Every structure is written in C-alpha cells, then in structure tokens.
C-alpha cells in the first residue's frame, strides 16, 4: 500500500492529497433536542478526526455504535445513530437525545489549529 501511495505521489506531482472520507464528515446543525446553554448548535466534523464548534476543536473516534470525543484531555462517549443526512447522539453529558442534520460539506480547520492529542496515546499539549 505504501508503494502505491508513493507511486501516486510521483505520478501526480502537484495534486494535493485529500482529507480522508468519513460518512460523518460534514457541517451539521441541531435539528431536534436540547443542548446546554453554551452547547454547540452547529458542528463541523472532518475526516481527519477533528471536529469544531465555535472556537472549540476536538478529536473524535467512532467505535461500533458510539462516538468518543476528546474534550479536555479525556474521552466523552455518546451513542451514535447515523443516517444519510441525520446524526442522533445520546448519553454522555447530554440530558436527552439530540438530532443533527447535515447542511453542507466539512470546512477545513483554520490555519494553525492542530487536531488535539489522542488522550490514549499522545501527551497533552503544553
């Protein structure tokens, strides 16, 4: 696989490599449910394992029927149901289920904003 990637880079110089594709990738808006006063109502989920709402950028991981979001150096786990353009989360720190609707593609992370460290394998940023 590595040699195939190297061959593609050699054959296609100047063509930027694209972000990994994920069925979760997109811009999502709250369609149903309640979030805390400062909770996100719009979230951008990217295929590079980052997600952003407001000024907050986090790392995410999907495991079977759950999504784990690294917030403050620890994972918060939510139950996940994904439809074509609908995402429902429950559990974790939510008081009840919320449903998000995909309203567009994911936008790139702002320049200079890194994907936060993985709490299981990377030390926290100093």
C-alpha atoms as a PDB file:
ATOM      1  CA  UNK A   1       0.000   0.000   0.000  1.00  0.00           C
ATOM      2  CA  UNK A   2       2.817   2.390   0.888  1.00  0.00           C
ATOM      3  CA  UNK A   3       4.463   1.839  -2.513  1.00  0.00           C
ATOM      4  CA  UNK A   4       1.129   2.519  -4.246  1.00  0.00           C
ATOM      5  CA  UNK A   5       0.805   5.830  -2.391  1.00  0.00           C
ATOM      6  CA  UNK A   6       4.395   6.724  -3.265  1.00  0.00           C
ATOM      7  CA  UNK A   7       3.724   5.899  -6.922  1.00  0.00           C
ATOM      8  CA  UNK A   8       0.639   8.121  -6.936  1.00  0.00           C
ATOM      9  CA  UNK A   9       2.613  10.994  -5.429  1.00  0.00           C
ATOM     10  CA  UNK A  10       5.299  10.553  -8.089  1.00  0.00           C
ATOM     11  CA  UNK A  11       2.781  10.218 -10.930  1.00  0.00           C
ATOM     12  CA  UNK A  12       0.591  13.085  -9.778  1.00  0.00           C
ATOM     13  CA  UNK A  13       3.013  15.773  -8.581  1.00  0.00           C
ATOM     14  CA  UNK A  14       1.341  18.979  -7.518  1.00  0.00           C
ATOM     15  CA  UNK A  15      -2.021  17.286  -6.879  1.00  0.00           C
ATOM     16  CA  UNK A  16      -2.828  17.749  -3.177  1.00  0.00           C
ATOM     17  CA  UNK A  17      -3.747  14.669  -1.157  1.00  0.00           C
ATOM     18  CA  UNK A  18      -7.342  14.848   0.015  1.00  0.00           C
ATOM     19  CA  UNK A  19      -8.606  14.537   3.556  1.00  0.00           C
ATOM     20  CA  UNK A  20      -9.836  11.013   4.401  1.00  0.00           C
ATOM     21  CA  UNK A  21     -13.505  10.470   3.601  1.00  0.00           C
ATOM     22  CA  UNK A  22     -15.834   9.663   6.500  1.00  0.00           C
ATOM     23  CA  UNK A  23     -19.606   9.211   6.470  1.00  0.00           C
ATOM     24  CA  UNK A  24     -19.638  11.623   9.437  1.00  0.00           C
ATOM     25  CA  UNK A  25     -17.815  14.393   7.568  1.00  0.00           C
ATOM     26  CA  UNK A  26     -19.898  17.495   7.025  1.00  0.00           C
ATOM     27  CA  UNK A  27     -21.378  20.563   8.605  1.00  0.00           C
ATOM     28  CA  UNK A  28     -24.210  19.626  10.961  1.00  0.00           C
ATOM     29  CA  UNK A  29     -26.869  21.773  12.643  1.00  0.00           C
ATOM     30  CA  UNK A  30     -29.073  20.983  15.611  1.00  0.00           C
ATOM     31  CA  UNK A  31     -32.470  19.861  14.320  1.00  0.00           C
ATOM     32  CA  UNK A  32     -34.063  18.406  17.448  1.00  0.00           C
ATOM     33  CA  UNK A  33     -33.254  18.151  21.146  1.00  0.00           C
ATOM     34  CA  UNK A  34     -31.764  20.411  23.785  1.00  0.00           C
ATOM     35  CA  UNK A  35     -28.149  21.277  24.451  1.00  0.00           C
ATOM     36  CA  UNK A  36     -26.769  23.175  27.426  1.00  0.00           C
ATOM     37  CA  UNK A  37     -26.785  26.963  27.130  1.00  0.00           C
ATOM     38  CA  UNK A  38     -23.255  27.063  25.729  1.00  0.00           C
ATOM     39  CA  UNK A  39     -23.562  23.757  23.862  1.00  0.00           C
ATOM     40  CA  UNK A  40     -22.988  23.554  20.127  1.00  0.00           C
ATOM     41  CA  UNK A  41     -25.836  24.075  17.696  1.00  0.00           C
ATOM     42  CA  UNK A  42     -23.590  23.779  14.636  1.00  0.00           C
ATOM     43  CA  UNK A  43     -20.667  21.336  14.321  1.00  0.00           C
ATOM     44  CA  UNK A  44     -18.137  20.706  11.556  1.00  0.00           C
ATOM     45  CA  UNK A  45     -16.919  17.088  11.523  1.00  0.00           C
ATOM     46  CA  UNK A  46     -13.867  16.359   9.360  1.00  0.00           C
ATOM     47  CA  UNK A  47     -12.398  13.122   8.048  1.00  0.00           C
ATOM     48  CA  UNK A  48      -9.047  13.917   9.734  1.00  0.00           C
ATOM     49  CA  UNK A  49     -10.636  13.054  13.128  1.00  0.00           C
ATOM     50  CA  UNK A  50     -11.211  16.690  14.122  1.00  0.00           C
ATOM     51  CA  UNK A  51     -14.478  18.458  14.834  1.00  0.00           C
ATOM     52  CA  UNK A  52     -15.125  22.143  15.528  1.00  0.00           C
ATOM     53  CA  UNK A  53     -17.926  24.133  17.055  1.00  0.00           C
ATOM     54  CA  UNK A  54     -17.500  27.790  17.898  1.00  0.00           C
ATOM     55  CA  UNK A  55     -13.860  28.214  18.948  1.00  0.00           C
ATOM     56  CA  UNK A  56     -13.545  24.612  20.222  1.00  0.00           C
ATOM     57  CA  UNK A  57     -11.690  21.988  18.171  1.00  0.00           C
ATOM     58  CA  UNK A  58     -11.756  18.381  19.395  1.00  0.00           C
ATOM     59  CA  UNK A  59     -10.670  14.917  18.255  1.00  0.00           C
ATOM     60  CA  UNK A  60     -13.219  12.157  17.604  1.00  0.00           C
ATOM     61  CA  UNK A  61     -13.242   8.370  17.184  1.00  0.00           C
ATOM     62  CA  UNK A  62     -16.083   6.032  16.192  1.00  0.00           C
ATOM     63  CA  UNK A  63     -16.398   2.616  17.836  1.00  0.00           C
ATOM     64  CA  UNK A  64     -19.286   0.406  16.632  1.00  0.00           C
ATOM     65  CA  UNK A  65     -22.405   2.335  17.745  1.00  0.00           C
ATOM     66  CA  UNK A  66     -20.630   5.115  19.664  1.00  0.00           C
ATOM     67  CA  UNK A  67     -18.604   8.232  19.055  1.00  0.00           C
ATOM     68  CA  UNK A  68     -15.917   9.280  21.502  1.00  0.00           C
ATOM     69  CA  UNK A  69     -14.961  12.949  21.666  1.00  0.00           C
ATOM     70  CA  UNK A  70     -11.750  14.067  23.391  1.00  0.00           C
ATOM     71  CA  UNK A  71     -12.614  17.106  25.472  1.00  0.00           C
ATOM     72  CA  UNK A  72     -10.113  18.486  27.962  1.00  0.00           C
ATOM     73  CA  UNK A  73      -7.790  15.500  27.598  1.00  0.00           C
ATOM     74  CA  UNK A  74     -10.487  12.887  28.322  1.00  0.00           C
ATOM     75  CA  UNK A  75     -12.932  10.944  26.154  1.00  0.00           C
ATOM     76  CA  UNK A  76     -16.673  11.612  26.422  1.00  0.00           C
ATOM     77  CA  UNK A  77     -18.703   8.778  24.859  1.00  0.00           C
ATOM     78  CA  UNK A  78     -22.076   9.163  23.136  1.00  0.00           C
ATOM     79  CA  UNK A  79     -24.374   6.622  21.480  1.00  0.00           C
ATOM     80  CA  UNK A  80     -24.452   7.279  17.739  1.00  0.00           C
ATOM     81  CA  UNK A  81     -27.085   6.670  15.054  1.00  0.00           C
ATOM     82  CA  UNK A  82     -26.123   7.831  11.582  1.00  0.00           C
ATOM     83  CA  UNK A  83     -28.474   8.193   8.636  1.00  0.00           C
ATOM     84  CA  UNK A  84     -27.732   9.688   5.238  1.00  0.00           C
ATOM     85  CA  UNK A  85     -28.078  13.291   6.421  1.00  0.00           C
ATOM     86  CA  UNK A  86     -29.106  12.808  10.045  1.00  0.00           C
ATOM     87  CA  UNK A  87     -27.000  12.128  13.131  1.00  0.00           C
ATOM     88  CA  UNK A  88     -28.503  11.313  16.535  1.00  0.00           C
ATOM     89  CA  UNK A  89     -26.418  11.388  19.726  1.00  0.00           C
ATOM     90  CA  UNK A  90     -27.450  10.328  23.222  1.00  0.00           C
ATOM     91  CA  UNK A  91     -25.806   9.558  26.546  1.00  0.00           C
ATOM     92  CA  UNK A  92     -22.564  11.103  27.726  1.00  0.00           C
ATOM     93  CA  UNK A  93     -23.198  14.529  29.211  1.00  0.00           C
ATOM     94  CA  UNK A  94     -26.428  15.063  27.216  1.00  0.00           C
ATOM     95  CA  UNK A  95     -29.696  15.341  29.148  1.00  0.00           C
ATOM     96  CA  UNK A  96     -31.544  13.655  26.260  1.00  0.00           C
ATOM     97  CA  UNK A  97     -31.014  12.644  22.628  1.00  0.00           C
ATOM     98  CA  UNK A  98     -30.133  15.316  20.073  1.00  0.00           C
ATOM     99  CA  UNK A  99     -30.500  15.091  16.314  1.00  0.00           C
ATOM    100  CA  UNK A 100     -28.246  16.960  13.908  1.00  0.00           C
ATOM    101  CA  UNK A 101     -28.966  17.487  10.219  1.00  0.00           C
ATOM    102  CA  UNK A 102     -26.185  17.653   7.616  1.00  0.00           C
ATOM    103  CA  UNK A 103     -26.377  21.077   5.955  1.00  0.00           C
ATOM    104  CA  UNK A 104     -23.179  21.019   3.905  1.00  0.00           C
ATOM    105  CA  UNK A 105     -19.666  19.688   3.488  1.00  0.00           C
ATOM    106  CA  UNK A 106     -16.980  19.925   6.138  1.00  0.00           C
ATOM    107  CA  UNK A 107     -14.879  23.067   6.060  1.00  0.00           C
ATOM    108  CA  UNK A 108     -11.110  22.913   6.637  1.00  0.00           C
ATOM    109  CA  UNK A 109      -9.647  23.608  10.065  1.00  0.00           C
ATOM    110  CA  UNK A 110      -8.365  27.141  10.461  1.00  0.00           C
ATOM    111  CA  UNK A 111      -4.666  27.616   9.698  1.00  0.00           C
ATOM    112  CA  UNK A 112      -2.542  26.860  12.732  1.00  0.00           C
ATOM    113  CA  UNK A 113      -5.250  24.871  14.562  1.00  0.00           C
ATOM    114  CA  UNK A 114      -3.995  21.331  15.186  1.00  0.00           C
ATOM    115  CA  UNK A 115      -6.044  18.199  15.814  1.00  0.00           C
ATOM    116  CA  UNK A 116      -5.956  17.845  19.612  1.00  0.00           C
ATOM    117  CA  UNK A 117      -3.915  14.937  21.023  1.00  0.00           C
ATOM    118  CA  UNK A 118      -5.431  11.471  21.452  1.00  0.00           C
ATOM    119  CA  UNK A 119      -5.821  11.030  25.256  1.00  0.00           C
ATOM    120  CA  UNK A 120      -4.964   7.319  24.914  1.00  0.00           C
ATOM    121  CA  UNK A 121      -1.702   7.664  23.006  1.00  0.00           C
ATOM    122  CA  UNK A 122      -0.409  11.250  22.982  1.00  0.00           C
ATOM    123  CA  UNK A 123       0.693  13.530  25.792  1.00  0.00           C
ATOM    124  CA  UNK A 124      -1.414  16.663  26.262  1.00  0.00           C
ATOM    125  CA  UNK A 125      -0.164  19.807  24.545  1.00  0.00           C
ATOM    126  CA  UNK A 126       1.861  22.024  26.870  1.00  0.00           C
END
